[in-house]
Amino acid sequence: MKLLLDQGLPLSAAALLRDAGIDTIHVGEIGMSEAEDVDIIQRARNEARIVATLDADFHTLLAVDVALTPSVIRIRIERLRAQALTNLLLTVIAECGEDLEQGAAITVEPSRIRIRRLPLVSDV
């Protein structure tokens, strides 16, 4: 499992996740801290990474493009410190690993995890 952490998430969480055995990079480590969301998605797709973000726009972009990849974990819990974010992402990976590998848009809220498989399409 490989992660790409978006701006807004603690940079130091990338090192903690690497220490936990998860191949992780932060946009700030690769010169993409001001990159457009579409460029971050493309980078994740090219490197088979899962995007972790606070930004709702990533799920919207996946829906508009009827994309099959990359998986995106949207975190709806603010002000997480690096260790708390690391623990949260390790839990999400453990609980949702199969969905993430097959393509999913996951939303993490304080009391639940919602999983939607890609592509995100309306039944209407």
N, C-alpha and C. Protein backbone atom coordinates (compact mmCIF):
# COMPACT_ATOMS: atom_id res chain seq x y z
N MET A 1 0.86 -1.17 0.00
CA MET A 1 0.00 0.00 0.00
C MET A 1 0.90 1.23 0.00
N LYS A 2 0.59 2.19 -0.89
CA LYS A 2 1.39 3.41 -1.01
C LYS A 2 0.48 4.62 -0.88
N LEU A 3 0.91 5.60 -0.07
CA LEU A 3 0.10 6.78 0.18
C LEU A 3 0.78 8.05 -0.34
N LEU A 4 -0.07 9.01 -0.70
CA LEU A 4 0.36 10.37 -1.02
C LEU A 4 -0.46 11.30 -0.14
N LEU A 5 0.20 11.97 0.81
CA LEU A 5 -0.49 12.87 1.72
C LEU A 5 -0.57 14.26 1.12
N ASP A 6 -1.75 14.82 1.14
CA ASP A 6 -2.01 16.14 0.57
C ASP A 6 -1.60 17.23 1.56
N GLN A 7 -1.47 18.44 1.01
CA GLN A 7 -1.21 19.62 1.82
C GLN A 7 -2.32 19.76 2.86
N GLY A 8 -2.00 20.24 4.02
CA GLY A 8 -3.00 20.35 5.08
C GLY A 8 -2.87 19.23 6.09
N LEU A 9 -2.28 18.12 5.67
CA LEU A 9 -1.98 17.02 6.59
C LEU A 9 -0.54 17.20 7.08
N PRO A 10 -0.25 16.81 8.31
CA PRO A 10 1.10 17.02 8.85
C PRO A 10 2.18 16.32 8.03
N LEU A 11 3.19 17.09 7.65
CA LEU A 11 4.31 16.56 6.89
C LEU A 11 5.01 15.43 7.65
N SER A 12 5.12 15.58 8.95
CA SER A 12 5.82 14.57 9.75
C SER A 12 5.09 13.23 9.79
N ALA A 13 3.81 13.22 9.44
CA ALA A 13 3.06 11.96 9.41
C ALA A 13 3.62 11.02 8.34
N ALA A 14 4.18 11.58 7.26
CA ALA A 14 4.75 10.73 6.21
C ALA A 14 5.87 9.86 6.77
N ALA A 15 6.76 10.47 7.58
CA ALA A 15 7.85 9.70 8.17
C ALA A 15 7.32 8.65 9.16
N LEU A 16 6.31 9.02 9.94
CA LEU A 16 5.72 8.06 10.89
C LEU A 16 5.10 6.88 10.15
N LEU A 17 4.42 7.15 9.05
CA LEU A 17 3.82 6.07 8.26
C LEU A 17 4.91 5.20 7.62
N ARG A 18 5.97 5.83 7.14
CA ARG A 18 7.08 5.03 6.59
C ARG A 18 7.67 4.14 7.69
N ASP A 19 7.83 4.69 8.90
CA ASP A 19 8.34 3.89 10.02
C ASP A 19 7.42 2.70 10.32
N ALA A 20 6.13 2.87 10.04
CA ALA A 20 5.16 1.80 10.27
C ALA A 20 5.08 0.83 9.09
N GLY A 21 5.92 1.05 8.07
CA GLY A 21 5.98 0.13 6.94
C GLY A 21 5.10 0.51 5.75
N ILE A 22 4.55 1.71 5.75
CA ILE A 22 3.70 2.16 4.65
C ILE A 22 4.51 3.11 3.76
N ASP A 23 4.65 2.80 2.50
CA ASP A 23 5.35 3.66 1.54
C ASP A 23 4.56 4.95 1.39
N THR A 24 5.05 6.04 1.98
CA THR A 24 4.29 7.29 2.03
C THR A 24 5.15 8.47 1.64
N ILE A 25 4.57 9.37 0.84
CA ILE A 25 5.20 10.65 0.55
C ILE A 25 4.17 11.75 0.80
N HIS A 26 4.67 12.92 1.12
CA HIS A 26 3.83 14.09 1.34
C HIS A 26 4.09 15.04 0.19
N VAL A 27 3.05 15.73 -0.28
CA VAL A 27 3.22 16.65 -1.41
C VAL A 27 4.33 17.66 -1.14
N GLY A 28 4.53 18.02 0.12
CA GLY A 28 5.59 18.96 0.48
C GLY A 28 6.99 18.41 0.29
N GLU A 29 7.12 17.09 0.28
CA GLU A 29 8.43 16.45 0.08
C GLU A 29 8.82 16.35 -1.39
N ILE A 30 7.83 16.51 -2.28
CA ILE A 30 8.10 16.29 -3.70
C ILE A 30 7.80 17.54 -4.54
N GLY A 31 7.80 18.70 -3.88
CA GLY A 31 7.61 19.96 -4.60
C GLY A 31 6.21 20.17 -5.14
N MET A 32 5.19 19.53 -4.53
CA MET A 32 3.83 19.67 -5.03
C MET A 32 2.90 20.34 -4.01
N SER A 33 3.46 21.08 -3.06
CA SER A 33 2.63 21.66 -2.00
C SER A 33 1.64 22.69 -2.54
N GLU A 34 1.90 23.26 -3.72
CA GLU A 34 0.97 24.21 -4.32
C GLU A 34 0.35 23.67 -5.61
N ALA A 35 0.48 22.37 -5.83
CA ALA A 35 -0.02 21.75 -7.06
C ALA A 35 -1.55 21.73 -7.07
N GLU A 36 -2.10 21.74 -8.27
CA GLU A 36 -3.55 21.59 -8.44
C GLU A 36 -3.95 20.16 -8.08
N ASP A 37 -5.19 20.02 -7.63
CA ASP A 37 -5.69 18.70 -7.24
C ASP A 37 -5.59 17.69 -8.38
N VAL A 38 -5.88 18.12 -9.61
CA VAL A 38 -5.80 17.19 -10.75
C VAL A 38 -4.39 16.67 -10.95
N ASP A 39 -3.38 17.51 -10.67
CA ASP A 39 -1.99 17.07 -10.80
C ASP A 39 -1.62 16.08 -9.70
N ILE A 40 -2.16 16.30 -8.51
CA ILE A 40 -1.91 15.37 -7.40
C ILE A 40 -2.57 14.03 -7.70
N ILE A 41 -3.78 14.06 -8.22
CA ILE A 41 -4.46 12.83 -8.61
C ILE A 41 -3.65 12.08 -9.67
N GLN A 42 -3.15 12.80 -10.66
CA GLN A 42 -2.38 12.16 -11.72
C GLN A 42 -1.09 11.54 -11.18
N ARG A 43 -0.42 12.25 -10.28
CA ARG A 43 0.80 11.72 -9.67
C ARG A 43 0.47 10.43 -8.91
N ALA A 44 -0.60 10.47 -8.12
CA ALA A 44 -1.00 9.27 -7.38
C ALA A 44 -1.33 8.12 -8.33
N ARG A 45 -2.04 8.43 -9.40
CA ARG A 45 -2.40 7.41 -10.39
C ARG A 45 -1.13 6.81 -11.02
N ASN A 46 -0.20 7.67 -11.40
CA ASN A 46 1.04 7.20 -12.05
C ASN A 46 1.86 6.32 -11.14
N GLU A 47 1.82 6.59 -9.83
CA GLU A 47 2.64 5.85 -8.89
C GLU A 47 1.84 4.82 -8.09
N ALA A 48 0.59 4.59 -8.48
CA ALA A 48 -0.30 3.64 -7.78
C ALA A 48 -0.36 3.94 -6.29
N ARG A 49 -0.58 5.23 -5.98
CA ARG A 49 -0.69 5.68 -4.59
C ARG A 49 -2.13 6.02 -4.27
N ILE A 50 -2.45 5.98 -2.99
CA ILE A 50 -3.75 6.40 -2.47
C ILE A 50 -3.57 7.80 -1.92
N VAL A 51 -4.46 8.70 -2.30
CA VAL A 51 -4.39 10.06 -1.80
C VAL A 51 -5.11 10.15 -0.46
N ALA A 52 -4.46 10.76 0.53
CA ALA A 52 -5.11 11.09 1.80
C ALA A 52 -5.19 12.60 1.87
N THR A 53 -6.38 13.12 2.15
CA THR A 53 -6.61 14.56 2.05
C THR A 53 -7.71 15.02 3.01
N LEU A 54 -7.74 16.32 3.24
CA LEU A 54 -8.85 16.96 3.94
C LEU A 54 -9.85 17.55 2.95
N ASP A 55 -9.50 17.56 1.69
CA ASP A 55 -10.18 18.30 0.63
C ASP A 55 -11.28 17.47 -0.06
N ALA A 56 -12.51 17.97 -0.05
CA ALA A 56 -13.63 17.29 -0.69
C ALA A 56 -13.52 17.29 -2.21
N ASP A 57 -12.73 18.18 -2.77
CA ASP A 57 -12.62 18.29 -4.22
C ASP A 57 -12.11 17.01 -4.88
N PHE A 58 -11.31 16.23 -4.18
CA PHE A 58 -10.77 15.01 -4.78
C PHE A 58 -11.89 14.03 -5.13
N HIS A 59 -12.86 13.85 -4.23
CA HIS A 59 -13.98 12.95 -4.53
C HIS A 59 -14.79 13.50 -5.70
N THR A 60 -14.95 14.81 -5.76
CA THR A 60 -15.68 15.42 -6.87
C THR A 60 -14.96 15.16 -8.19
N LEU A 61 -13.65 15.33 -8.21
CA LEU A 61 -12.89 15.08 -9.44
C LEU A 61 -12.99 13.62 -9.88
N LEU A 62 -12.97 12.70 -8.92
CA LEU A 62 -13.13 11.28 -9.28
C LEU A 62 -14.49 11.04 -9.90
N ALA A 63 -15.53 11.67 -9.35
CA ALA A 63 -16.89 11.49 -9.86
C ALA A 63 -17.04 12.08 -11.26
N VAL A 64 -16.54 13.29 -11.45
CA VAL A 64 -16.66 13.96 -12.75
C VAL A 64 -15.94 13.17 -13.84
N ASP A 65 -14.79 12.61 -13.50
CA ASP A 65 -14.01 11.84 -14.48
C ASP A 65 -14.45 10.38 -14.60
N VAL A 66 -15.40 9.95 -13.77
CA VAL A 66 -15.81 8.55 -13.69
C VAL A 66 -14.55 7.67 -13.59
N ALA A 67 -13.66 8.12 -12.69
CA ALA A 67 -12.34 7.50 -12.55
C ALA A 67 -12.40 6.19 -11.79
N LEU A 68 -11.51 5.29 -12.16
CA LEU A 68 -11.35 4.01 -11.46
C LEU A 68 -10.20 4.06 -10.46
N THR A 69 -9.30 5.03 -10.64
CA THR A 69 -8.15 5.24 -9.77
C THR A 69 -7.87 6.73 -9.71
N PRO A 70 -7.16 7.20 -8.72
CA PRO A 70 -6.67 6.49 -7.55
C PRO A 70 -7.72 6.47 -6.45
N SER A 71 -7.52 5.61 -5.48
CA SER A 71 -8.37 5.66 -4.29
C SER A 71 -8.04 6.93 -3.53
N VAL A 72 -9.05 7.48 -2.85
CA VAL A 72 -8.87 8.69 -2.06
C VAL A 72 -9.48 8.49 -0.68
N ILE A 73 -8.72 8.86 0.34
CA ILE A 73 -9.21 8.87 1.71
C ILE A 73 -9.40 10.33 2.10
N ARG A 74 -10.65 10.74 2.26
CA ARG A 74 -10.92 12.11 2.71
C ARG A 74 -11.17 12.08 4.21
N ILE A 75 -10.38 12.86 4.91
CA ILE A 75 -10.48 12.91 6.36
C ILE A 75 -11.28 14.14 6.76
N ARG A 76 -12.37 13.91 7.46
CA ARG A 76 -13.23 15.00 7.92
C ARG A 76 -13.09 15.19 9.43
N ILE A 77 -11.86 15.13 9.88
CA ILE A 77 -11.52 15.37 11.27
C ILE A 77 -10.40 16.41 11.24
N GLU A 78 -10.63 17.56 11.80
CA GLU A 78 -9.66 18.64 11.69
C GLU A 78 -8.66 18.62 12.84
N ARG A 79 -7.54 19.25 12.57
CA ARG A 79 -6.47 19.47 13.54
C ARG A 79 -5.86 18.19 14.10
N LEU A 80 -5.77 17.17 13.28
CA LEU A 80 -5.11 15.94 13.73
C LEU A 80 -3.60 16.17 13.74
N ARG A 81 -2.98 15.79 14.82
CA ARG A 81 -1.52 15.85 14.88
C ARG A 81 -0.98 14.62 14.15
N ALA A 82 0.32 14.65 13.89
CA ALA A 82 0.94 13.61 13.06
C ALA A 82 0.68 12.19 13.58
N GLN A 83 0.87 11.96 14.87
CA GLN A 83 0.69 10.59 15.40
C GLN A 83 -0.77 10.16 15.32
N ALA A 84 -1.70 11.07 15.61
CA ALA A 84 -3.12 10.73 15.52
C ALA A 84 -3.52 10.44 14.08
N LEU A 85 -3.00 11.21 13.13
CA LEU A 85 -3.28 10.95 11.71
C LEU A 85 -2.69 9.61 11.30
N THR A 86 -1.49 9.34 11.73
CA THR A 86 -0.85 8.06 11.41
C THR A 86 -1.69 6.89 11.92
N ASN A 87 -2.10 6.97 13.17
CA ASN A 87 -2.93 5.91 13.75
C ASN A 87 -4.25 5.76 12.99
N LEU A 88 -4.86 6.88 12.64
CA LEU A 88 -6.12 6.86 11.90
C LEU A 88 -5.94 6.19 10.53
N LEU A 89 -4.90 6.59 9.80
CA LEU A 89 -4.68 6.01 8.47
C LEU A 89 -4.34 4.53 8.56
N LEU A 90 -3.59 4.12 9.57
CA LEU A 90 -3.30 2.70 9.73
C LEU A 90 -4.58 1.92 9.99
N THR A 91 -5.51 2.50 10.75
CA THR A 91 -6.80 1.85 11.00
C THR A 91 -7.61 1.75 9.71
N VAL A 92 -7.66 2.83 8.94
CA VAL A 92 -8.41 2.83 7.68
C VAL A 92 -7.83 1.79 6.72
N ILE A 93 -6.52 1.74 6.63
CA ILE A 93 -5.88 0.75 5.75
C ILE A 93 -6.22 -0.67 6.20
N ALA A 94 -6.17 -0.91 7.49
CA ALA A 94 -6.48 -2.24 8.01
C ALA A 94 -7.94 -2.63 7.75
N GLU A 95 -8.85 -1.69 7.93
CA GLU A 95 -10.27 -1.98 7.77
C GLU A 95 -10.75 -1.93 6.32
N CYS A 96 -10.10 -1.16 5.49
CA CYS A 96 -10.60 -0.90 4.13
C CYS A 96 -9.59 -1.27 3.06
N GLY A 97 -8.59 -2.06 3.41
CA GLY A 97 -7.51 -2.37 2.48
C GLY A 97 -7.96 -2.92 1.14
N GLU A 98 -8.88 -3.87 1.15
CA GLU A 98 -9.35 -4.47 -0.11
C GLU A 98 -10.05 -3.43 -0.98
N ASP A 99 -10.90 -2.60 -0.36
CA ASP A 99 -11.58 -1.55 -1.11
C ASP A 99 -10.58 -0.56 -1.69
N LEU A 100 -9.59 -0.18 -0.91
CA LEU A 100 -8.57 0.77 -1.39
C LEU A 100 -7.80 0.19 -2.56
N GLU A 101 -7.47 -1.09 -2.50
CA GLU A 101 -6.73 -1.72 -3.59
C GLU A 101 -7.55 -1.79 -4.87
N GLN A 102 -8.86 -1.94 -4.75
CA GLN A 102 -9.71 -2.07 -5.93
C GLN A 102 -10.26 -0.74 -6.44
N GLY A 103 -10.06 0.33 -5.67
CA GLY A 103 -10.53 1.66 -6.07
C GLY A 103 -11.72 2.10 -5.26
N ALA A 104 -11.50 3.09 -4.38
CA ALA A 104 -12.58 3.55 -3.51
C ALA A 104 -12.39 5.00 -3.13
N ALA A 105 -13.51 5.63 -2.85
CA ALA A 105 -13.53 6.97 -2.26
C ALA A 105 -14.01 6.77 -0.83
N ILE A 106 -13.14 7.00 0.10
CA ILE A 106 -13.44 6.75 1.50
C ILE A 106 -13.52 8.09 2.24
N THR A 107 -14.53 8.23 3.07
CA THR A 107 -14.68 9.41 3.90
C THR A 107 -14.59 8.97 5.35
N VAL A 108 -13.67 9.59 6.08
CA VAL A 108 -13.47 9.27 7.49
C VAL A 108 -14.01 10.41 8.33
N GLU A 109 -15.00 10.10 9.14
CA GLU A 109 -15.61 11.06 10.05
C GLU A 109 -15.31 10.62 11.47
N PRO A 110 -15.56 11.48 12.47
CA PRO A 110 -15.23 11.09 13.84
C PRO A 110 -15.88 9.79 14.30
N SER A 111 -17.08 9.50 13.82
CA SER A 111 -17.78 8.31 14.32
C SER A 111 -18.00 7.22 13.28
N ARG A 112 -17.52 7.41 12.05
CA ARG A 112 -17.72 6.36 11.05
C ARG A 112 -16.78 6.52 9.86
N ILE A 113 -16.70 5.43 9.09
CA ILE A 113 -15.95 5.40 7.83
C ILE A 113 -16.94 5.01 6.74
N ARG A 114 -17.07 5.86 5.72
CA ARG A 114 -17.95 5.56 4.58
C ARG A 114 -17.09 5.16 3.39
N ILE A 115 -17.50 4.09 2.72
CA ILE A 115 -16.76 3.57 1.57
C ILE A 115 -17.66 3.59 0.35
N ARG A 116 -17.18 4.19 -0.72
CA ARG A 116 -17.87 4.13 -2.01
C ARG A 116 -16.87 3.62 -3.03
N ARG A 117 -17.23 2.56 -3.73
CA ARG A 117 -16.34 1.99 -4.73
C ARG A 117 -16.32 2.86 -5.98
N LEU A 118 -15.17 2.88 -6.62
CA LEU A 118 -15.03 3.61 -7.88
C LEU A 118 -15.45 2.71 -9.03
N PRO A 119 -16.02 3.26 -10.08
CA PRO A 119 -16.25 4.69 -10.31
C PRO A 119 -17.48 5.18 -9.55
N LEU A 120 -17.43 6.47 -9.22
CA LEU A 120 -18.55 7.12 -8.55
C LEU A 120 -19.53 7.58 -9.63
N VAL A 121 -20.61 6.84 -9.76
CA VAL A 121 -21.63 7.19 -10.78
C VAL A 121 -22.99 7.24 -10.13
N SER A 122 -23.81 8.08 -10.67
CA SER A 122 -25.18 8.23 -10.15
C SER A 122 -26.07 7.18 -10.77
N ASP A 123 -27.04 6.72 -10.02
CA ASP A 123 -28.02 5.77 -10.55
C ASP A 123 -29.13 6.48 -11.32
N VAL A 124 -29.10 7.80 -11.29
CA VAL A 124 -30.16 8.58 -11.93
C VAL A 124 -29.87 8.75 -13.40
